[in-house]
Amino acid sequence: MKYPSPRQYAGITAASLLVFFMLGCSSVGLAPAQNMEQRIAYAYATNFGLRNSAATALNGGRIEAKEAGAALEITNQARTLLDAARMANGVGDTKTAEARLVLALSVLQALQNRLNEVPKVAP
């Protein structure tokens, strides 16, 4: 069986993330992103939501300060990638914008997966 190359795997991963992201938006009542600018805006909102989730987990005693700090650093890195995607898109470099957006979304998805693994505290 032939496995995909790293470049093909990145494309498959990017497409999968985009599909999940768009389905996720529609499942909470948000219209799916129609263009690059909207996709970047949704990613900024996702970044903001994950920052809040990490803070809530810290305040609820579900994660330690060190892990919350790591989550904050990850969201800062994702924000930098999103800023780069927005700037590239603004000058018409959609290929670079897409690459930065995909990378930011993959970082955010990994953080989301980690936060989902944190045990829930009963109310």
PDB file of N, CA and C in Angstrom:
ATOM      1  N   MET A   1       0.838  -1.175   0.000  1.00  0.00           N
ATOM      2  CA  MET A   1       0.000   0.000   0.000  1.00  0.00           C
ATOM      3  C   MET A   1       0.887   1.244   0.000  1.00  0.00           C
ATOM      4  N   LYS A   2       0.594   2.162  -0.890  1.00  0.00           N
ATOM      5  CA  LYS A   2       1.387   3.381  -0.986  1.00  0.00           C
ATOM      6  C   LYS A   2       0.773   4.447  -0.081  1.00  0.00           C
ATOM      7  N   TYR A   3       1.605   5.003   0.769  1.00  0.00           N
ATOM      8  CA  TYR A   3       1.153   6.049   1.682  1.00  0.00           C
ATOM      9  C   TYR A   3       1.322   7.411   1.032  1.00  0.00           C
ATOM     10  N   PRO A   4       0.489   8.394   1.430  1.00  0.00           N
ATOM     11  CA  PRO A   4       0.624   9.722   0.834  1.00  0.00           C
ATOM     12  C   PRO A   4       1.929  10.381   1.275  1.00  0.00           C
ATOM     13  N   SER A   5       2.456  11.219   0.393  1.00  0.00           N
ATOM     14  CA  SER A   5       3.671  11.976   0.734  1.00  0.00           C
ATOM     15  C   SER A   5       3.305  13.014   1.794  1.00  0.00           C
ATOM     16  N   PRO A   6       4.299  13.584   2.475  1.00  0.00           N
ATOM     17  CA  PRO A   6       3.996  14.616   3.467  1.00  0.00           C
ATOM     18  C   PRO A   6       3.201  15.783   2.866  1.00  0.00           C
ATOM     19  N   ARG A   7       3.506  16.145   1.636  1.00  0.00           N
ATOM     20  CA  ARG A   7       2.787  17.243   0.986  1.00  0.00           C
ATOM     21  C   ARG A   7       1.320  16.854   0.736  1.00  0.00           C
ATOM     22  N   GLN A   8       1.101  15.611   0.271  1.00  0.00           N
ATOM     23  CA  GLN A   8      -0.270  15.143   0.052  1.00  0.00           C
ATOM     24  C   GLN A   8      -1.004  15.030   1.383  1.00  0.00           C
ATOM     25  N   TYR A   9      -0.299  14.543   2.391  1.00  0.00           N
ATOM     26  CA  TYR A   9      -0.911  14.399   3.716  1.00  0.00           C
ATOM     27  C   TYR A   9      -1.332  15.760   4.262  1.00  0.00           C
ATOM     28  N   ALA A  10      -0.485  16.776   4.052  1.00  0.00           N
ATOM     29  CA  ALA A  10      -0.823  18.123   4.510  1.00  0.00           C
ATOM     30  C   ALA A  10      -2.074  18.626   3.797  1.00  0.00           C
ATOM     31  N   GLY A  11      -2.168  18.345   2.501  1.00  0.00           N
ATOM     32  CA  GLY A  11      -3.355  18.759   1.754  1.00  0.00           C
ATOM     33  C   GLY A  11      -4.611  18.047   2.223  1.00  0.00           C
ATOM     34  N   ILE A  12      -4.476  16.752   2.501  1.00  0.00           N
ATOM     35  CA  ILE A  12      -5.614  15.978   3.005  1.00  0.00           C
ATOM     36  C   ILE A  12      -6.026  16.503   4.374  1.00  0.00           C
ATOM     37  N   THR A  13      -5.038  16.749   5.233  1.00  0.00           N
ATOM     38  CA  THR A  13      -5.316  17.269   6.566  1.00  0.00           C
ATOM     39  C   THR A  13      -5.986  18.629   6.477  1.00  0.00           C
ATOM     40  N   ALA A  14      -5.481  19.490   5.610  1.00  0.00           N
ATOM     41  CA  ALA A  14      -6.051  20.824   5.455  1.00  0.00           C
ATOM     42  C   ALA A  14      -7.503  20.742   4.996  1.00  0.00           C
ATOM     43  N   ALA A  15      -7.746  19.899   4.021  1.00  0.00           N
ATOM     44  CA  ALA A  15      -9.119  19.752   3.525  1.00  0.00           C
ATOM     45  C   ALA A  15     -10.035  19.204   4.606  1.00  0.00           C
ATOM     46  N   SER A  16      -9.539  18.252   5.374  1.00  0.00           N
ATOM     47  CA  SER A  16     -10.341  17.677   6.459  1.00  0.00           C
ATOM     48  C   SER A  16     -10.660  18.723   7.512  1.00  0.00           C
ATOM     49  N   LEU A  17      -9.646  19.501   7.889  1.00  0.00           N
ATOM     50  CA  LEU A  17      -9.869  20.551   8.882  1.00  0.00           C
ATOM     51  C   LEU A  17     -10.883  21.570   8.388  1.00  0.00           C
ATOM     52  N   LEU A  18     -10.767  21.936   7.130  1.00  0.00           N
ATOM     53  CA  LEU A  18     -11.695  22.913   6.570  1.00  0.00           C
ATOM     54  C   LEU A  18     -13.118  22.379   6.600  1.00  0.00           C
ATOM     55  N   VAL A  19     -13.300  21.125   6.222  1.00  0.00           N
ATOM     56  CA  VAL A  19     -14.639  20.525   6.240  1.00  0.00           C
ATOM     57  C   VAL A  19     -15.182  20.483   7.658  1.00  0.00           C
ATOM     58  N   PHE A  20     -14.371  20.000   8.604  1.00  0.00           N
ATOM     59  CA  PHE A  20     -14.830  19.948   9.992  1.00  0.00           C
ATOM     60  C   PHE A  20     -15.128  21.333  10.530  1.00  0.00           C
ATOM     61  N   PHE A  21     -14.290  22.307  10.181  1.00  0.00           N
ATOM     62  CA  PHE A  21     -14.486  23.674  10.641  1.00  0.00           C
ATOM     63  C   PHE A  21     -15.793  24.239  10.106  1.00  0.00           C
ATOM     64  N   MET A  22     -16.037  24.036   8.816  1.00  0.00           N
ATOM     65  CA  MET A  22     -17.259  24.562   8.218  1.00  0.00           C
ATOM     66  C   MET A  22     -18.491  23.848   8.754  1.00  0.00           C
ATOM     67  N   LEU A  23     -18.395  22.535   8.956  1.00  0.00           N
ATOM     68  CA  LEU A  23     -19.524  21.807   9.532  1.00  0.00           C
ATOM     69  C   LEU A  23     -19.770  22.247  10.964  1.00  0.00           C
ATOM     70  N   GLY A  24     -18.694  22.488  11.695  1.00  0.00           N
ATOM     71  CA  GLY A  24     -18.824  22.942  13.076  1.00  0.00           C
ATOM     72  C   GLY A  24     -19.526  24.288  13.157  1.00  0.00           C
ATOM     73  N   CYS A  25     -19.206  25.181  12.251  1.00  0.00           N
ATOM     74  CA  CYS A  25     -19.845  26.495  12.241  1.00  0.00           C
ATOM     75  C   CYS A  25     -21.335  26.365  11.983  1.00  0.00           C
ATOM     76  N   SER A  26     -21.701  25.531  11.045  1.00  0.00           N
ATOM     77  CA  SER A  26     -23.116  25.392  10.725  1.00  0.00           C
ATOM     78  C   SER A  26     -23.869  24.654  11.830  1.00  0.00           C
ATOM     79  N   SER A  27     -23.171  23.789  12.580  1.00  0.00           N
ATOM     80  CA  SER A  27     -23.862  23.051  13.641  1.00  0.00           C
ATOM     81  C   SER A  27     -24.217  23.937  14.824  1.00  0.00           C
ATOM     82  N   VAL A  28     -23.543  25.079  14.973  1.00  0.00           N
ATOM     83  CA  VAL A  28     -23.890  25.997  16.062  1.00  0.00           C
ATOM     84  C   VAL A  28     -24.662  27.205  15.536  1.00  0.00           C
ATOM     85  N   GLY A  29     -25.154  27.103  14.332  1.00  0.00           N
ATOM     86  CA  GLY A  29     -26.006  28.149  13.796  1.00  0.00           C
ATOM     87  C   GLY A  29     -25.275  29.262  13.062  1.00  0.00           C
ATOM     88  N   LEU A  30     -23.988  29.117  12.845  1.00  0.00           N
ATOM     89  CA  LEU A  30     -23.240  30.127  12.108  1.00  0.00           C
ATOM     90  C   LEU A  30     -23.204  29.749  10.640  1.00  0.00           C
ATOM     91  N   ALA A  31     -23.333  30.754   9.798  1.00  0.00           N
ATOM     92  CA  ALA A  31     -23.241  30.495   8.363  1.00  0.00           C
ATOM     93  C   ALA A  31     -21.820  30.074   8.036  1.00  0.00           C
ATOM     94  N   PRO A  32     -21.651  29.066   7.189  1.00  0.00           N
ATOM     95  CA  PRO A  32     -20.291  28.638   6.835  1.00  0.00           C
ATOM     96  C   PRO A  32     -19.543  29.750   6.091  1.00  0.00           C
ATOM     97  N   ALA A  33     -18.238  29.780   6.275  1.00  0.00           N
ATOM     98  CA  ALA A  33     -17.404  30.781   5.611  1.00  0.00           C
ATOM     99  C   ALA A  33     -17.451  30.576   4.100  1.00  0.00           C
ATOM    100  N   GLN A  34     -17.577  31.666   3.389  1.00  0.00           N
ATOM    101  CA  GLN A  34     -17.680  31.597   1.937  1.00  0.00           C
ATOM    102  C   GLN A  34     -16.399  31.987   1.225  1.00  0.00           C
ATOM    103  N   ASN A  35     -15.535  32.750   1.888  1.00  0.00           N
ATOM    104  CA  ASN A  35     -14.304  33.192   1.240  1.00  0.00           C
ATOM    105  C   ASN A  35     -13.163  33.187   2.255  1.00  0.00           C
ATOM    106  N   MET A  36     -11.973  33.501   1.789  1.00  0.00           N
ATOM    107  CA  MET A  36     -10.790  33.456   2.644  1.00  0.00           C
ATOM    108  C   MET A  36     -10.922  34.411   3.827  1.00  0.00           C
ATOM    109  N   GLU A  37     -11.416  35.602   3.587  1.00  0.00           N
ATOM    110  CA  GLU A  37     -11.566  36.587   4.657  1.00  0.00           C
ATOM    111  C   GLU A  37     -12.471  36.048   5.769  1.00  0.00           C
ATOM    112  N   GLN A  38     -13.571  35.421   5.400  1.00  0.00           N
ATOM    113  CA  GLN A  38     -14.488  34.852   6.394  1.00  0.00           C
ATOM    114  C   GLN A  38     -13.859  33.658   7.106  1.00  0.00           C
ATOM    115  N   ARG A  39     -13.123  32.836   6.374  1.00  0.00           N
ATOM    116  CA  ARG A  39     -12.452  31.691   7.000  1.00  0.00           C
ATOM    117  C   ARG A  39     -11.440  32.154   8.032  1.00  0.00           C
ATOM    118  N   ILE A  40     -10.717  33.211   7.719  1.00  0.00           N
ATOM    119  CA  ILE A  40      -9.755  33.757   8.668  1.00  0.00           C
ATOM    120  C   ILE A  40     -10.484  34.323   9.881  1.00  0.00           C
ATOM    121  N   ALA A  41     -11.589  35.006   9.651  1.00  0.00           N
ATOM    122  CA  ALA A  41     -12.363  35.568  10.762  1.00  0.00           C
ATOM    123  C   ALA A  41     -12.878  34.457  11.679  1.00  0.00           C
ATOM    124  N   TYR A  42     -13.376  33.374  11.120  1.00  0.00           N
ATOM    125  CA  TYR A  42     -13.826  32.237  11.930  1.00  0.00           C
ATOM    126  C   TYR A  42     -12.663  31.654  12.731  1.00  0.00           C
ATOM    127  N   ALA A  43     -11.490  31.594  12.115  1.00  0.00           N
ATOM    128  CA  ALA A  43     -10.325  31.057  12.819  1.00  0.00           C
ATOM    129  C   ALA A  43      -9.925  31.962  13.986  1.00  0.00           C
ATOM    130  N   TYR A  44     -10.026  33.283  13.799  1.00  0.00           N
ATOM    131  CA  TYR A  44      -9.768  34.200  14.918  1.00  0.00           C
ATOM    132  C   TYR A  44     -10.761  33.933  16.059  1.00  0.00           C
ATOM    133  N   ALA A  45     -12.022  33.729  15.709  1.00  0.00           N
ATOM    134  CA  ALA A  45     -13.038  33.448  16.735  1.00  0.00           C
ATOM    135  C   ALA A  45     -12.745  32.128  17.444  1.00  0.00           C
ATOM    136  N   THR A  46     -12.290  31.136  16.704  1.00  0.00           N
ATOM    137  CA  THR A  46     -11.921  29.856  17.299  1.00  0.00           C
ATOM    138  C   THR A  46     -10.756  30.045  18.262  1.00  0.00           C
ATOM    139  N   ASN A  47      -9.778  30.824  17.853  1.00  0.00           N
ATOM    140  CA  ASN A  47      -8.615  31.112  18.692  1.00  0.00           C
ATOM    141  C   ASN A  47      -9.065  31.771  20.002  1.00  0.00           C
ATOM    142  N   PHE A  48      -9.931  32.747  19.886  1.00  0.00           N
ATOM    143  CA  PHE A  48     -10.445  33.447  21.066  1.00  0.00           C
ATOM    144  C   PHE A  48     -11.199  32.480  21.985  1.00  0.00           C
ATOM    145  N   GLY A  49     -12.018  31.624  21.394  1.00  0.00           N
ATOM    146  CA  GLY A  49     -12.775  30.651  22.178  1.00  0.00           C
ATOM    147  C   GLY A  49     -11.877  29.677  22.927  1.00  0.00           C
ATOM    148  N   LEU A  50     -10.795  29.254  22.286  1.00  0.00           N
ATOM    149  CA  LEU A  50      -9.867  28.333  22.942  1.00  0.00           C
ATOM    150  C   LEU A  50      -9.110  29.006  24.077  1.00  0.00           C
ATOM    151  N   ARG A  51      -8.790  30.284  23.910  1.00  0.00           N
ATOM    152  CA  ARG A  51      -8.163  31.028  25.009  1.00  0.00           C
ATOM    153  C   ARG A  51      -9.107  31.056  26.207  1.00  0.00           C
ATOM    154  N   ASN A  52     -10.379  31.321  25.937  1.00  0.00           N
ATOM    155  CA  ASN A  52     -11.366  31.354  27.021  1.00  0.00           C
ATOM    156  C   ASN A  52     -11.551  29.975  27.642  1.00  0.00           C
ATOM    157  N   SER A  53     -11.549  28.934  26.832  1.00  0.00           N
ATOM    158  CA  SER A  53     -11.692  27.568  27.352  1.00  0.00           C
ATOM    159  C   SER A  53     -10.538  27.208  28.279  1.00  0.00           C
ATOM    160  N   ALA A  54      -9.337  27.590  27.895  1.00  0.00           N
ATOM    161  CA  ALA A  54      -8.175  27.310  28.738  1.00  0.00           C
ATOM    162  C   ALA A  54      -8.270  28.079  30.055  1.00  0.00           C
ATOM    163  N   ALA A  55      -8.697  29.331  29.991  1.00  0.00           N
ATOM    164  CA  ALA A  55      -8.847  30.133  31.215  1.00  0.00           C
ATOM    165  C   ALA A  55      -9.919  29.544  32.120  1.00  0.00           C
ATOM    166  N   THR A  56     -11.012  29.105  31.527  1.00  0.00           N
ATOM    167  CA  THR A  56     -12.082  28.485  32.305  1.00  0.00           C
ATOM    168  C   THR A  56     -11.608  27.194  32.961  1.00  0.00           C
ATOM    169  N   ALA A  57     -10.856  26.399  32.215  1.00  0.00           N
ATOM    170  CA  ALA A  57     -10.315  25.147  32.758  1.00  0.00           C
ATOM    171  C   ALA A  57      -9.357  25.436  33.912  1.00  0.00           C
ATOM    172  N   LEU A  58      -8.556  26.480  33.779  1.00  0.00           N
ATOM    173  CA  LEU A  58      -7.630  26.861  34.850  1.00  0.00           C
ATOM    174  C   LEU A  58      -8.409  27.329  36.076  1.00  0.00           C
ATOM    175  N   ASN A  59      -9.360  28.214  35.871  1.00  0.00           N
ATOM    176  CA  ASN A  59     -10.149  28.743  36.988  1.00  0.00           C
ATOM    177  C   ASN A  59     -10.985  27.663  37.665  1.00  0.00           C
ATOM    178  N   GLY A  60     -11.367  26.650  36.913  1.00  0.00           N
ATOM    179  CA  GLY A  60     -12.144  25.547  37.471  1.00  0.00           C
ATOM    180  C   GLY A  60     -11.280  24.454  38.085  1.00  0.00           C
ATOM    181  N   GLY A  61      -9.976  24.632  38.048  1.00  0.00           N
ATOM    182  CA  GLY A  61      -9.066  23.652  38.630  1.00  0.00           C
ATOM    183  C   GLY A  61      -8.884  22.400  37.792  1.00  0.00           C
ATOM    184  N   ARG A  62      -9.271  22.453  36.523  1.00  0.00           N
ATOM    185  CA  ARG A  62      -9.150  21.274  35.656  1.00  0.00           C
ATOM    186  C   ARG A  62      -7.767  21.149  35.035  1.00  0.00           C
ATOM    187  N   ILE A  63      -7.044  22.269  34.918  1.00  0.00           N
ATOM    188  CA  ILE A  63      -5.672  22.244  34.426  1.00  0.00           C
ATOM    189  C   ILE A  63      -4.822  23.110  35.349  1.00  0.00           C
ATOM    190  N   GLU A  64      -3.529  22.869  35.308  1.00  0.00           N
ATOM    191  CA  GLU A  64      -2.604  23.642  36.127  1.00  0.00           C
ATOM    192  C   GLU A  64      -2.155  24.889  35.369  1.00  0.00           C
ATOM    193  N   ALA A  65      -1.565  25.815  36.110  1.00  0.00           N
ATOM    194  CA  ALA A  65      -1.124  27.083  35.523  1.00  0.00           C
ATOM    195  C   ALA A  65      -0.122  26.863  34.386  1.00  0.00           C
ATOM    196  N   LYS A  66       0.749  25.881  34.542  1.00  0.00           N
ATOM    197  CA  LYS A  66       1.748  25.605  33.504  1.00  0.00           C
ATOM    198  C   LYS A  66       1.064  25.208  32.195  1.00  0.00           C
ATOM    199  N   GLU A  67       0.056  24.356  32.281  1.00  0.00           N
ATOM    200  CA  GLU A  67      -0.662  23.926  31.075  1.00  0.00           C
ATOM    201  C   GLU A  67      -1.473  25.084  30.483  1.00  0.00           C
ATOM    202  N   ALA A  68      -2.060  25.907  31.329  1.00  0.00           N
ATOM    203  CA  ALA A  68      -2.793  27.075  30.834  1.00  0.00           C
ATOM    204  C   ALA A  68      -1.844  28.042  30.135  1.00  0.00           C
ATOM    205  N   GLY A  69      -0.642  28.193  30.681  1.00  0.00           N
ATOM    206  CA  GLY A  69       0.359  29.042  30.042  1.00  0.00           C
ATOM    207  C   GLY A  69       0.762  28.511  28.683  1.00  0.00           C
ATOM    208  N   ALA A  70       0.895  27.190  28.592  1.00  0.00           N
ATOM    209  CA  ALA A  70       1.227  26.571  27.305  1.00  0.00           C
ATOM    210  C   ALA A  70       0.097  26.797  26.303  1.00  0.00           C
ATOM    211  N   ALA A  71      -1.145  26.685  26.760  1.00  0.00           N
ATOM    212  CA  ALA A  71      -2.293  26.925  25.878  1.00  0.00           C
ATOM    213  C   ALA A  71      -2.298  28.375  25.404  1.00  0.00           C
ATOM    214  N   LEU A  72      -1.981  29.299  26.301  1.00  0.00           N
ATOM    215  CA  LEU A  72      -1.914  30.706  25.928  1.00  0.00           C
ATOM    216  C   LEU A  72      -0.835  30.928  24.874  1.00  0.00           C
ATOM    217  N   GLU A  73       0.317  30.299  25.043  1.00  0.00           N
ATOM    218  CA  GLU A  73       1.405  30.436  24.074  1.00  0.00           C
ATOM    219  C   GLU A  73       0.996  29.860  22.710  1.00  0.00           C
ATOM    220  N   ILE A  74       0.311  28.733  22.725  1.00  0.00           N
ATOM    221  CA  ILE A  74      -0.159  28.128  21.472  1.00  0.00           C
ATOM    222  C   ILE A  74      -1.129  29.059  20.761  1.00  0.00           C
ATOM    223  N   THR A  75      -2.058  29.658  21.512  1.00  0.00           N
ATOM    224  CA  THR A  75      -3.013  30.575  20.876  1.00  0.00           C
ATOM    225  C   THR A  75      -2.308  31.835  20.381  1.00  0.00           C
ATOM    226  N   ASN A  76      -1.244  32.258  21.073  1.00  0.00           N
ATOM    227  CA  ASN A  76      -0.459  33.401  20.581  1.00  0.00           C
ATOM    228  C   ASN A  76       0.204  33.057  19.248  1.00  0.00           C
ATOM    229  N   GLN A  77       0.745  31.842  19.140  1.00  0.00           N
ATOM    230  CA  GLN A  77       1.371  31.415  17.894  1.00  0.00           C
ATOM    231  C   GLN A  77       0.336  31.312  16.776  1.00  0.00           C
ATOM    232  N   ALA A  78      -0.828  30.786  17.109  1.00  0.00           N
ATOM    233  CA  ALA A  78      -1.895  30.692  16.108  1.00  0.00           C
ATOM    234  C   ALA A  78      -2.320  32.086  15.663  1.00  0.00           C
ATOM    235  N   ARG A  79      -2.384  33.009  16.597  1.00  0.00           N
ATOM    236  CA  ARG A  79      -2.759  34.393  16.261  1.00  0.00           C
ATOM    237  C   ARG A  79      -1.741  34.994  15.291  1.00  0.00           C
ATOM    238  N   THR A  80      -0.465  34.729  15.523  1.00  0.00           N
ATOM    239  CA  THR A  80       0.578  35.222  14.623  1.00  0.00           C
ATOM    240  C   THR A  80       0.383  34.648  13.217  1.00  0.00           C
ATOM    241  N   LEU A  81       0.068  33.362  13.139  1.00  0.00           N
ATOM    242  CA  LEU A  81      -0.190  32.739  11.837  1.00  0.00           C
ATOM    243  C   LEU A  81      -1.422  33.343  11.174  1.00  0.00           C
ATOM    244  N   LEU A  82      -2.460  33.608  11.957  1.00  0.00           N
ATOM    245  CA  LEU A  82      -3.675  34.201  11.402  1.00  0.00           C
ATOM    246  C   LEU A  82      -3.417  35.626  10.923  1.00  0.00           C
ATOM    247  N   ASP A  83      -2.611  36.370  11.678  1.00  0.00           N
ATOM    248  CA  ASP A  83      -2.241  37.719  11.230  1.00  0.00           C
ATOM    249  C   ASP A  83      -1.501  37.651   9.902  1.00  0.00           C
ATOM    250  N   ALA A  84      -0.591  36.681   9.768  1.00  0.00           N
ATOM    251  CA  ALA A  84       0.154  36.509   8.519  1.00  0.00           C
ATOM    252  C   ALA A  84      -0.791  36.118   7.378  1.00  0.00           C
ATOM    253  N   ALA A  85      -1.759  35.255   7.673  1.00  0.00           N
ATOM    254  CA  ALA A  85      -2.740  34.855   6.654  1.00  0.00           C
ATOM    255  C   ALA A  85      -3.563  36.058   6.208  1.00  0.00           C
ATOM    256  N   ARG A  86      -3.982  36.878   7.164  1.00  0.00           N
ATOM    257  CA  ARG A  86      -4.785  38.067   6.842  1.00  0.00           C
ATOM    258  C   ARG A  86      -3.977  39.045   5.987  1.00  0.00           C
ATOM    259  N   MET A  87      -2.712  39.244   6.358  1.00  0.00           N
ATOM    260  CA  MET A  87      -1.859  40.160   5.584  1.00  0.00           C
ATOM    261  C   MET A  87      -1.625  39.628   4.169  1.00  0.00           C
ATOM    262  N   ALA A  88      -1.332  38.335   4.050  1.00  0.00           N
ATOM    263  CA  ALA A  88      -1.109  37.743   2.727  1.00  0.00           C
ATOM    264  C   ALA A  88      -2.367  37.838   1.878  1.00  0.00           C
ATOM    265  N   ASN A  89      -3.497  37.572   2.476  1.00  0.00           N
ATOM    266  CA  ASN A  89      -4.759  37.666   1.745  1.00  0.00           C
ATOM    267  C   ASN A  89      -5.015  39.109   1.302  1.00  0.00           C
ATOM    268  N   GLY A  90      -4.644  40.048   2.152  1.00  0.00           N
ATOM    269  CA  GLY A  90      -4.839  41.458   1.833  1.00  0.00           C
ATOM    270  C   GLY A  90      -4.057  41.938   0.625  1.00  0.00           C
ATOM    271  N   VAL A  91      -2.919  41.312   0.366  1.00  0.00           N
ATOM    272  CA  VAL A  91      -2.112  41.694  -0.808  1.00  0.00           C
ATOM    273  C   VAL A  91      -2.342  40.749  -1.982  1.00  0.00           C
ATOM    274  N   GLY A  92      -3.319  39.850  -1.838  1.00  0.00           N
ATOM    275  CA  GLY A  92      -3.671  38.972  -2.949  1.00  0.00           C
ATOM    276  C   GLY A  92      -2.874  37.686  -3.043  1.00  0.00           C
ATOM    277  N   ASP A  93      -2.068  37.387  -2.046  1.00  0.00           N
ATOM    278  CA  ASP A  93      -1.278  36.149  -2.049  1.00  0.00           C
ATOM    279  C   ASP A  93      -2.092  35.046  -1.376  1.00  0.00           C
ATOM    280  N   THR A  94      -3.059  34.515  -2.100  1.00  0.00           N
ATOM    281  CA  THR A  94      -3.971  33.535  -1.506  1.00  0.00           C
ATOM    282  C   THR A  94      -3.281  32.217  -1.169  1.00  0.00           C
ATOM    283  N   LYS A  95      -2.251  31.854  -1.908  1.00  0.00           N
ATOM    284  CA  LYS A  95      -1.543  30.608  -1.630  1.00  0.00           C
ATOM    285  C   LYS A  95      -0.876  30.668  -0.252  1.00  0.00           C
ATOM    286  N   THR A  96      -0.195  31.765   0.039  1.00  0.00           N
ATOM    287  CA  THR A  96       0.433  31.936   1.351  1.00  0.00           C
ATOM    288  C   THR A  96      -0.634  32.055   2.430  1.00  0.00           C
ATOM    289  N   ALA A  97      -1.695  32.797   2.142  1.00  0.00           N
ATOM    290  CA  ALA A  97      -2.777  32.958   3.115  1.00  0.00           C
ATOM    291  C   ALA A  97      -3.379  31.603   3.478  1.00  0.00           C
ATOM    292  N   GLU A  98      -3.612  30.779   2.471  1.00  0.00           N
ATOM    293  CA  GLU A  98      -4.171  29.440   2.695  1.00  0.00           C
ATOM    294  C   GLU A  98      -3.230  28.594   3.539  1.00  0.00           C
ATOM    295  N   ALA A  99      -1.944  28.643   3.234  1.00  0.00           N
ATOM    296  CA  ALA A  99      -0.969  27.847   3.985  1.00  0.00           C
ATOM    297  C   ALA A  99      -0.920  28.271   5.442  1.00  0.00           C
ATOM    298  N   ARG A 100      -0.907  29.576   5.707  1.00  0.00           N
ATOM    299  CA  ARG A 100      -0.869  30.074   7.097  1.00  0.00           C
ATOM    300  C   ARG A 100      -2.159  29.728   7.831  1.00  0.00           C
ATOM    301  N   LEU A 101      -3.283  29.841   7.137  1.00  0.00           N
ATOM    302  CA  LEU A 101      -4.563  29.522   7.753  1.00  0.00           C
ATOM    303  C   LEU A 101      -4.635  28.041   8.111  1.00  0.00           C
ATOM    304  N   VAL A 102      -4.216  27.188   7.204  1.00  0.00           N
ATOM    305  CA  VAL A 102      -4.246  25.744   7.456  1.00  0.00           C
ATOM    306  C   VAL A 102      -3.360  25.391   8.636  1.00  0.00           C
ATOM    307  N   LEU A 103      -2.194  25.980   8.699  1.00  0.00           N
ATOM    308  CA  LEU A 103      -1.287  25.710   9.815  1.00  0.00           C
ATOM    309  C   LEU A 103      -1.892  26.191  11.131  1.00  0.00           C
ATOM    310  N   ALA A 104      -2.465  27.383  11.129  1.00  0.00           N
ATOM    311  CA  ALA A 104      -3.102  27.901  12.346  1.00  0.00           C
ATOM    312  C   ALA A 104      -4.245  26.994  12.785  1.00  0.00           C
ATOM    313  N   LEU A 105      -5.062  26.555  11.826  1.00  0.00           N
ATOM    314  CA  LEU A 105      -6.183  25.670  12.170  1.00  0.00           C
ATOM    315  C   LEU A 105      -5.711  24.333  12.714  1.00  0.00           C
ATOM    316  N   SER A 106      -4.609  23.822  12.192  1.00  0.00           N
ATOM    317  CA  SER A 106      -4.112  22.544  12.700  1.00  0.00           C
ATOM    318  C   SER A 106      -3.592  22.700  14.123  1.00  0.00           C
ATOM    319  N   VAL A 107      -2.940  23.813  14.409  1.00  0.00           N
ATOM    320  CA  VAL A 107      -2.470  24.094  15.772  1.00  0.00           C
ATOM    321  C   VAL A 107      -3.672  24.224  16.714  1.00  0.00           C
ATOM    322  N   LEU A 108      -4.677  24.951  16.280  1.00  0.00           N
ATOM    323  CA  LEU A 108      -5.872  25.142  17.109  1.00  0.00           C
ATOM    324  C   LEU A 108      -6.621  23.827  17.322  1.00  0.00           C
ATOM    325  N   GLN A 109      -6.670  22.989  16.302  1.00  0.00           N
ATOM    326  CA  GLN A 109      -7.344  21.700  16.437  1.00  0.00           C
ATOM    327  C   GLN A 109      -6.616  20.826  17.452  1.00  0.00           C
ATOM    328  N   ALA A 110      -5.299  20.847  17.421  1.00  0.00           N
ATOM    329  CA  ALA A 110      -4.522  20.066  18.392  1.00  0.00           C
ATOM    330  C   ALA A 110      -4.775  20.563  19.811  1.00  0.00           C
ATOM    331  N   LEU A 111      -4.842  21.871  19.991  1.00  0.00           N
ATOM    332  CA  LEU A 111      -5.147  22.427  21.316  1.00  0.00           C
ATOM    333  C   LEU A 111      -6.558  22.042  21.740  1.00  0.00           C
ATOM    334  N   GLN A 112      -7.503  22.128  20.819  1.00  0.00           N
ATOM    335  CA  GLN A 112      -8.883  21.740  21.133  1.00  0.00           C
ATOM    336  C   GLN A 112      -8.948  20.283  21.558  1.00  0.00           C
ATOM    337  N   ASN A 113      -8.245  19.427  20.858  1.00  0.00           N
ATOM    338  CA  ASN A 113      -8.220  18.006  21.216  1.00  0.00           C
ATOM    339  C   ASN A 113      -7.665  17.812  22.620  1.00  0.00           C
ATOM    340  N   ARG A 114      -6.606  18.545  22.937  1.00  0.00           N
ATOM    341  CA  ARG A 114      -6.003  18.436  24.270  1.00  0.00           C
ATOM    342  C   ARG A 114      -6.981  18.929  25.336  1.00  0.00           C
ATOM    343  N   LEU A 115      -7.633  20.036  25.097  1.00  0.00           N
ATOM    344  CA  LEU A 115      -8.595  20.556  26.085  1.00  0.00           C
ATOM    345  C   LEU A 115      -9.793  19.631  26.236  1.00  0.00           C
ATOM    346  N   ASN A 116     -10.160  18.945  25.166  1.00  0.00           N
ATOM    347  CA  ASN A 116     -11.265  17.981  25.250  1.00  0.00           C
ATOM    348  C   ASN A 116     -10.897  16.761  26.095  1.00  0.00           C
ATOM    349  N   GLU A 117      -9.597  16.473  26.196  1.00  0.00           N
ATOM    350  CA  GLU A 117      -9.145  15.333  27.003  1.00  0.00           C
ATOM    351  C   GLU A 117      -9.163  15.628  28.497  1.00  0.00           C
ATOM    352  N   VAL A 118      -9.218  16.892  28.849  1.00  0.00           N
ATOM    353  CA  VAL A 118      -9.198  17.276  30.269  1.00  0.00           C
ATOM    354  C   VAL A 118     -10.509  16.792  30.898  1.00  0.00           C
ATOM    355  N   PRO A 119     -10.406  16.091  32.028  1.00  0.00           N
ATOM    356  CA  PRO A 119     -11.617  15.580  32.678  1.00  0.00           C
ATOM    357  C   PRO A 119     -12.568  16.718  33.054  1.00  0.00           C
ATOM    358  N   LYS A 120     -13.827  16.462  32.841  1.00  0.00           N
ATOM    359  CA  LYS A 120     -14.858  17.438  33.189  1.00  0.00           C
ATOM    360  C   LYS A 120     -15.130  17.361  34.694  1.00  0.00           C
ATOM    361  N   VAL A 121     -15.453  18.511  35.268  1.00  0.00           N
ATOM    362  CA  VAL A 121     -15.786  18.571  36.681  1.00  0.00           C
ATOM    363  C   VAL A 121     -17.305  18.665  36.783  1.00  0.00           C
ATOM    364  N   ALA A 122     -17.885  17.820  37.626  1.00  0.00           N
ATOM    365  CA  ALA A 122     -19.343  17.846  37.795  1.00  0.00           C
ATOM    366  C   ALA A 122     -19.760  19.159  38.441  1.00  0.00           C
ATOM    367  N   PRO A 123     -20.859  19.759  37.975  1.00  0.00           N
ATOM    368  CA  PRO A 123     -21.308  21.050  38.532  1.00  0.00           C
ATOM    369  C   PRO A 123     -21.796  20.911  39.960  1.00  0.00           C
TER     370      PRO A 123
END
